[in-house]
Protein backbone atom coordinates (compact mmCIF):
# COMPACT_ATOMS: atom_id res chain seq x y z
CA MET A 1 21.13 25.80 8.34
CA LYS A 2 23.01 29.09 8.26
CA VAL A 3 25.94 27.31 10.24
CA ARG A 4 26.04 24.51 7.43
CA SER A 5 26.11 26.94 4.77
CA LEU A 6 28.99 28.90 6.45
CA SER A 7 30.94 25.78 6.99
CA LEU A 8 30.60 24.74 3.72
CA GLY A 9 31.51 28.04 2.33
CA LEU A 10 34.76 27.92 4.56
CA LEU A 11 35.28 24.48 3.43
CA LEU A 12 35.27 25.42 -0.26
CA ALA A 13 37.30 28.44 0.33
CA SER A 14 40.16 26.45 2.07
CA LEU A 15 40.01 23.92 -0.81
CA PHE A 16 40.56 26.65 -3.42
CA PHE A 17 43.29 28.38 -1.61
CA SER A 18 44.88 25.06 -0.80
CA ALA A 19 45.05 24.34 -4.58
CA CYS A 20 46.72 27.51 -5.13
CA LEU A 21 49.57 26.39 -2.62
CA GLN A 22 50.31 23.14 -4.39
CA ALA A 23 53.99 22.86 -5.56
CA VAL A 24 54.77 24.47 -8.88
CA GLU A 25 55.90 22.06 -11.68
CA LEU A 26 58.66 22.82 -14.23
CA LYS A 27 58.52 21.43 -17.66
CA ASP A 28 60.81 18.61 -18.38
CA ASP A 29 62.88 20.72 -20.87
CA VAL A 30 63.50 24.05 -19.09
CA PRO A 31 66.69 25.87 -20.04
CA GLU A 32 69.31 25.99 -17.12
CA THR A 33 69.98 29.66 -18.04
CA TYR A 34 68.13 32.10 -20.31
CA ILE A 35 68.96 35.43 -21.52
CA VAL A 36 66.17 37.86 -21.63
CA LYS A 37 65.84 39.24 -25.21
CA LYS A 38 64.08 42.35 -26.50
CA GLY A 39 60.75 41.48 -27.56
CA ASP A 40 60.20 38.66 -25.19
CA THR A 41 57.14 38.97 -22.99
CA LEU A 42 56.49 37.69 -19.61
CA TRP A 43 53.84 35.34 -20.67
CA GLY A 44 56.30 33.92 -23.14
CA ILE A 45 59.17 33.31 -20.70
CA SER A 46 56.67 31.80 -18.02
CA GLY A 47 55.63 29.33 -20.60
CA MET A 48 59.18 28.11 -21.14
CA TYR A 49 59.43 26.99 -17.65
CA LEU A 50 55.86 26.07 -16.58
CA ASP A 51 52.79 24.45 -18.10
CA GLU A 52 50.74 26.71 -16.08
CA PRO A 53 52.13 30.28 -16.71
CA TRP A 54 49.88 32.22 -14.50
CA ARG A 55 51.62 30.65 -11.59
CA TRP A 56 54.75 32.62 -12.40
CA PRO A 57 54.65 34.39 -8.96
CA GLU A 58 54.92 31.10 -7.34
CA LEU A 59 58.30 30.41 -9.24
CA TRP A 60 59.69 33.85 -9.22
CA ASP A 61 62.23 34.46 -6.36
CA VAL A 62 62.78 38.04 -5.51
CA ASN A 63 66.45 39.23 -5.56
CA PRO A 64 66.90 41.81 -2.67
CA GLN A 65 70.06 43.10 -4.14
CA ILE A 66 68.73 44.25 -7.39
CA ASP A 67 66.66 47.61 -7.53
CA ASN A 68 63.20 46.63 -8.11
CA PRO A 69 63.68 42.93 -8.58
CA HIS A 70 60.27 42.42 -10.02
CA LEU A 71 61.20 44.09 -13.27
CA ILE A 72 62.99 41.83 -15.94
CA PHE A 73 65.08 43.50 -18.72
CA PRO A 74 66.75 42.57 -22.07
CA GLY A 75 70.18 41.23 -21.05
CA ASP A 76 69.22 39.85 -17.64
CA GLU A 77 69.92 36.15 -17.07
CA LEU A 78 67.58 33.88 -15.61
CA TYR A 79 68.50 30.79 -13.68
CA ILE A 80 66.86 27.98 -11.44
CA ILE A 81 67.80 27.31 -7.85
CA TRP A 82 66.10 25.10 -5.64
CA VAL A 83 64.76 25.99 -2.13
CA ASP A 84 63.64 23.35 0.32
CA GLY A 85 62.93 21.13 -2.69
CA GLN A 86 61.13 23.96 -4.50
CA PRO A 87 62.11 25.39 -7.60
CA ARG A 88 62.80 29.20 -7.82
CA LEU A 89 63.91 31.40 -10.57
CA ARG A 90 66.59 33.92 -9.94
CA LEU A 91 68.17 36.52 -12.13
CA ARG A 92 71.52 38.16 -12.90
CA ARG A 93 71.23 41.47 -13.99
CA GLY A 94 72.88 42.22 -17.25
CA ASP A 95 74.09 45.46 -18.75
CA LEU A 96 71.72 46.98 -21.30
CA LYS A 97 73.36 48.90 -23.85
CA LEU A 98 71.48 51.75 -25.64
CA GLU A 99 72.25 53.82 -28.59
CA PRO A 100 73.62 57.31 -27.78
CA SER A 101 70.61 59.08 -28.76
CA MET A 102 68.38 56.92 -26.63
CA ARG A 103 66.91 58.32 -23.60
CA VAL A 104 64.40 56.08 -21.98
CA SER A 105 63.21 55.17 -18.46
CA ALA A 106 63.83 51.73 -16.88
CA LEU A 107 59.97 51.16 -16.90
CA ASP A 108 59.95 51.75 -20.67
CA LEU A 109 62.53 48.90 -21.28
CA ALA A 110 60.81 46.34 -18.75
CA ILE A 111 59.58 43.18 -20.32
CA PRO A 112 55.72 43.40 -20.61
CA ALA A 113 53.60 40.75 -19.61
CA ILE A 114 52.03 40.35 -22.89
CA PRO A 115 52.50 42.35 -26.23
CA LEU A 116 51.44 45.78 -25.36
CA ASP A 117 50.95 46.75 -28.96
CA GLN A 118 47.84 44.21 -28.70
CA ILE A 119 46.28 46.60 -26.22
CA GLU A 120 47.95 49.80 -25.84
CA ALA A 121 45.18 51.91 -28.54
CA PHE A 122 42.44 49.90 -26.89
CA LEU A 123 43.48 51.01 -23.31
CA LEU A 124 43.95 54.48 -24.49
CA TYR A 125 40.59 55.22 -26.16
CA HIS A 126 38.01 52.28 -24.96
CA ARG A 127 36.05 52.45 -21.93
CA ILE A 128 33.05 51.10 -20.11
CA ILE A 129 30.97 53.52 -18.62
CA HIS A 130 27.95 53.65 -16.14
CA ALA A 131 24.45 54.82 -17.04
CA ASP A 132 24.91 57.85 -14.52
CA GLU A 133 28.34 58.65 -16.39
CA LEU A 134 26.80 58.53 -19.79
CA ASN A 135 23.59 60.67 -18.96
CA ASN A 136 25.44 63.30 -17.12
CA SER A 137 28.32 63.92 -19.55
CA ALA A 138 28.66 66.89 -22.01
CA TYR A 139 27.63 65.96 -25.87
CA VAL A 140 28.10 67.60 -29.28
CA VAL A 141 25.51 70.00 -29.96
CA ALA A 142 26.84 71.42 -33.32
CA GLY A 143 29.60 71.50 -35.84
CA ALA A 144 31.32 74.68 -37.18
CA GLN A 145 29.42 76.24 -40.21
CA GLU A 146 26.40 73.86 -39.16
CA HIS A 147 27.94 70.73 -40.32
CA LEU A 148 30.34 68.37 -39.02
CA ILE A 149 33.60 67.14 -40.77
CA SER A 150 35.76 64.61 -39.27
CA ALA A 151 39.23 65.95 -39.83
CA PRO A 152 41.75 67.20 -37.11
CA GLY A 153 41.69 70.92 -36.94
CA ASP A 154 37.89 71.19 -37.37
CA HIS A 155 35.78 72.78 -34.61
CA ILE A 156 32.61 71.39 -32.78
CA PHE A 157 30.32 72.91 -30.16
CA GLY A 158 29.52 71.06 -26.82
CA ARG A 159 27.05 71.60 -24.14
CA GLY A 160 26.65 70.11 -20.79
CA PRO A 161 29.07 69.71 -17.66
CA PHE A 162 32.77 70.50 -18.54
CA PRO A 163 34.56 69.69 -15.13
CA GLU A 164 36.93 72.61 -14.22
CA GLY A 165 40.45 72.29 -15.33
CA GLU A 166 39.77 69.68 -17.74
CA ARG A 167 41.10 70.60 -21.39
CA ALA A 168 41.35 67.26 -22.97
CA TYR A 169 38.23 65.31 -24.08
CA GLY A 170 37.39 62.03 -25.72
CA ILE A 171 34.55 61.93 -28.28
CA TYR A 172 32.68 58.85 -27.60
CA ARG A 173 29.57 57.19 -29.30
CA THR A 174 27.27 54.60 -26.94
CA GLY A 175 27.88 51.49 -28.48
CA ASP A 176 26.79 47.78 -26.86
CA THR A 177 24.97 47.36 -23.67
CA TYR A 178 26.58 44.94 -21.56
CA ARG A 179 24.33 42.89 -19.09
CA ASP A 180 24.91 39.84 -17.19
CA PRO A 181 23.71 36.70 -18.96
CA LEU A 182 22.33 35.04 -15.98
CA THR A 183 20.64 38.02 -13.88
CA ASP A 184 20.41 40.48 -16.93
CA GLU A 185 21.73 43.07 -14.35
CA LEU A 186 23.30 46.20 -16.45
CA LEU A 187 26.90 46.12 -16.26
CA GLY A 188 27.69 49.20 -18.15
CA TYR A 189 27.96 50.61 -21.76
CA GLN A 190 30.28 50.54 -24.51
CA ALA A 191 31.94 54.01 -25.06
CA LYS A 192 33.08 53.63 -28.59
CA ASP A 193 36.00 55.79 -29.50
CA ILE A 194 35.14 58.35 -32.12
CA GLY A 195 38.18 60.83 -31.35
CA ASN A 196 39.75 63.46 -29.26
CA ALA A 197 39.17 67.27 -28.97
CA LYS A 198 40.77 70.20 -27.08
CA LEU A 199 38.63 72.45 -25.01
CA LEU A 200 38.97 76.22 -26.46
CA SER A 201 36.24 78.21 -24.52
CA SER A 202 36.47 79.44 -21.02
CA SER A 203 34.46 77.56 -18.24
CA GLU A 204 32.03 80.47 -17.90
CA GLU A 205 30.47 79.84 -21.54
CA ALA A 206 27.31 77.72 -21.37
CA ILE A 207 28.14 76.31 -24.91
CA LYS A 208 31.72 75.52 -25.59
CA GLU A 209 34.13 75.36 -28.44
CA LEU A 210 36.20 72.62 -29.07
CA GLU A 211 39.11 71.74 -31.67
CA ILE A 212 39.03 68.28 -33.02
CA ASN A 213 42.79 66.78 -32.88
CA ARG A 214 42.00 63.04 -33.71
CA VAL A 215 39.38 60.96 -35.27
CA THR A 216 38.40 57.52 -36.28
CA GLU A 217 35.30 58.18 -37.96
CA GLU A 218 32.61 61.06 -38.52
CA VAL A 219 31.65 63.14 -35.51
CA ARG A 220 28.00 63.26 -35.14
CA ILE A 221 25.49 65.25 -33.06
CA ALA A 222 24.76 63.97 -29.43
CA ASP A 223 28.28 62.14 -29.57
CA ARG A 224 29.44 62.39 -25.91
CA LEU A 225 32.47 64.37 -24.58
CA LEU A 226 34.16 62.77 -21.66
CA PRO A 227 37.47 64.09 -20.04
CA LEU A 228 40.29 61.69 -21.09
CA PRO A 229 41.47 59.68 -18.10
CA GLU A 230 45.19 59.94 -17.16
CA ARG A 231 46.36 56.35 -17.66
CA VAL A 232 50.03 55.14 -17.70
CA LEU A 233 50.47 51.74 -19.57
CA ASP A 234 51.63 49.51 -17.09
CA SER A 235 54.06 46.99 -18.63
CA THR A 236 54.99 45.40 -15.30
CA PHE A 237 51.86 43.66 -14.33
CA TYR A 238 51.99 39.86 -13.92
CA PRO A 239 49.98 36.76 -15.10
CA LYS A 240 48.35 35.21 -11.90
CA ALA A 241 45.74 33.03 -10.80
CA PRO A 242 42.90 35.03 -9.35
CA ASN A 243 42.81 35.37 -5.80
CA VAL A 244 39.05 34.54 -5.30
CA PRO A 245 36.80 31.85 -6.98
CA VAL A 246 35.23 33.08 -10.36
CA GLU A 247 31.62 31.83 -10.53
CA ASN A 248 29.28 32.44 -13.14
CA GLY A 249 31.87 34.17 -15.31
CA TYR A 250 31.14 34.61 -19.05
CA MET A 251 32.82 36.23 -22.14
CA ILE A 252 29.84 38.78 -22.88
CA ALA A 253 31.25 40.58 -25.86
CA VAL A 254 34.18 40.68 -28.38
CA ASP A 255 35.79 43.93 -29.68
CA GLY A 256 35.22 44.18 -33.35
CA GLY A 257 31.99 42.34 -33.75
CA VAL A 258 33.44 39.13 -34.90
CA THR A 259 31.46 35.68 -34.54
CA GLN A 260 34.50 33.54 -33.64
CA ILE A 261 36.97 34.42 -31.05
CA GLY A 262 40.74 33.54 -31.07
CA ALA A 263 44.10 34.48 -29.64
CA MET A 264 45.12 38.08 -29.30
CA ASP A 265 41.36 39.17 -29.47
CA ILE A 266 39.85 41.52 -26.82
CA VAL A 267 36.71 40.40 -24.88
CA VAL A 268 34.46 41.62 -22.21
CA ILE A 269 33.76 39.52 -19.16
CA ASN A 270 30.82 39.97 -16.82
CA LYS A 271 33.40 40.05 -13.86
CA GLY A 272 34.88 43.29 -12.20
CA GLU A 273 36.27 44.90 -9.55
CA ARG A 274 33.37 44.19 -7.08
CA ASP A 275 34.00 40.31 -7.96
CA GLY A 276 37.50 40.72 -7.03
CA MET A 277 38.89 40.99 -10.56
CA GLU A 278 42.61 42.18 -11.03
CA VAL A 279 44.74 43.18 -13.49
CA GLY A 280 46.73 40.20 -14.55
CA ASP A 281 44.31 37.72 -13.66
CA VAL A 282 44.39 34.38 -15.81
CA LEU A 283 41.05 32.78 -16.61
CA ALA A 284 40.59 29.60 -18.36
CA VAL A 285 37.81 29.67 -20.93
CA TYR A 286 35.40 26.87 -21.42
CA GLN A 287 32.89 25.89 -24.12
CA THR A 288 29.76 24.73 -22.56
CA GLY A 289 29.24 20.99 -23.22
CA GLU A 290 26.71 20.19 -25.96
CA LEU A 291 23.15 18.97 -25.62
CA VAL A 292 22.99 15.51 -27.04
CA PHE A 293 20.49 12.82 -27.05
CA ASP A 294 21.25 9.60 -25.12
CA GLN A 295 19.78 6.81 -27.30
CA VAL A 296 19.90 4.24 -24.32
CA ALA A 297 18.41 6.18 -21.80
CA GLU A 298 16.05 8.06 -24.39
CA GLU A 299 16.69 11.52 -23.20
CA ASN A 300 18.68 14.73 -23.82
CA VAL A 301 21.90 14.97 -21.55
CA ARG A 302 24.42 17.82 -21.23
CA LEU A 303 28.08 16.96 -21.81
CA PRO A 304 30.84 18.46 -19.58
CA ASP A 305 32.13 21.87 -20.25
CA VAL A 306 35.53 21.62 -22.43
CA ARG A 307 38.47 23.73 -21.65
CA ALA A 308 39.24 25.65 -24.82
CA GLY A 309 41.75 28.52 -24.07
CA LEU A 310 43.13 31.14 -21.68
CA ALA A 311 42.45 34.87 -21.27
CA MET A 312 44.14 37.46 -19.09
CA VAL A 313 42.40 40.48 -17.51
CA PHE A 314 44.13 43.80 -18.46
CA GLN A 315 41.53 46.36 -17.42
CA THR A 316 39.11 46.37 -14.70
CA TYR A 317 35.88 48.33 -13.98
CA GLU A 318 33.28 48.14 -11.24
CA LYS A 319 31.02 45.46 -12.95
CA ALA A 320 33.00 44.14 -15.96
CA SER A 321 36.50 43.85 -17.26
CA TYR A 322 38.47 43.77 -20.62
CA ALA A 323 40.71 40.66 -21.13
CA LEU A 324 43.05 39.44 -23.86
CA VAL A 325 42.61 35.96 -25.12
CA LEU A 326 46.15 34.44 -24.72
CA LYS A 327 45.56 30.83 -26.24
CA SER A 328 42.66 29.22 -27.91
CA ASN A 329 42.51 25.40 -28.69
CA ARG A 330 39.39 25.87 -30.74
CA PRO A 331 37.29 28.80 -31.79
CA LEU A 332 35.84 30.56 -29.03
CA LYS A 333 32.58 32.54 -28.99
CA VAL A 334 30.32 35.07 -26.78
CA LEU A 335 28.85 33.49 -23.74
CA ASP A 336 31.72 30.67 -23.45
CA LYS A 337 32.37 30.58 -19.65
CA VAL A 338 35.46 31.81 -17.75
CA LYS A 339 36.69 30.12 -14.72
CA ASN A 340 39.78 29.70 -12.48
CA PRO A 341 42.48 28.25 -14.40
């Protein structure tokens, strides 16, 4: 029995990866050449060439003569070539003209996969944390002059573990609890962004003083203080199909508490790094088929799931991930399924 299960698993894996190797097909009206413009996104460019934009890596042909050929910049010219009967996209590097006062790095100029302004603030300040990380973190014990005023420059006092050498802290409040809808496993907690603070006290003091330098709302007693992670916003990740089969995946929460989810909304999915999720993975969103009554058979039947959108993972954690809805054909909602595209 175990041998049969293993063989079936290998067969399914083989079929999945064989599907990924199918020839990529161009749209009928692709441009022969295209000059990349400021404001373009990789997702938008991919959609000009492919009905399945997440298969961009299969179309993209590395240019060894260009430094870091995976980066695309305004002014670059894209053009199609054919290799062994398969389309490949190449580029000719154009000259990017800057104003005399502009001093930016090449990475800053690279075309992003998606509009970074949709997720930049979210990436900087929102987190999914484990119970141990929450319970073992420092917290706000009091405010200056026995009250809390949520304004930059105000002082607060914290108690608990403050890691050596850490001076910049995020102020967080426990928000939603994320659980797997099928197993009820605890996946993590939403760390709701309240603001930032700078540590003023020395590490020897039991209760430490901090100065608030950014707030989104009033700071409260027991708000948590976590060292701010060093994050570099990566504008160069590429949309792609997941490397693994996605099974029993769901959108389990949405930022902002809205009831209907649409394009450019940020959602939490119940799949993370342990499930093989990677930044850039594109997932198809499916609505669960409706339960209807079959009047002929006189019984309830479940209709097939209906494909309703696409989402791309942009931040992964161990058991859950953040994803941006790229496309929705109809209003989506929490507990809609996510699968391989």
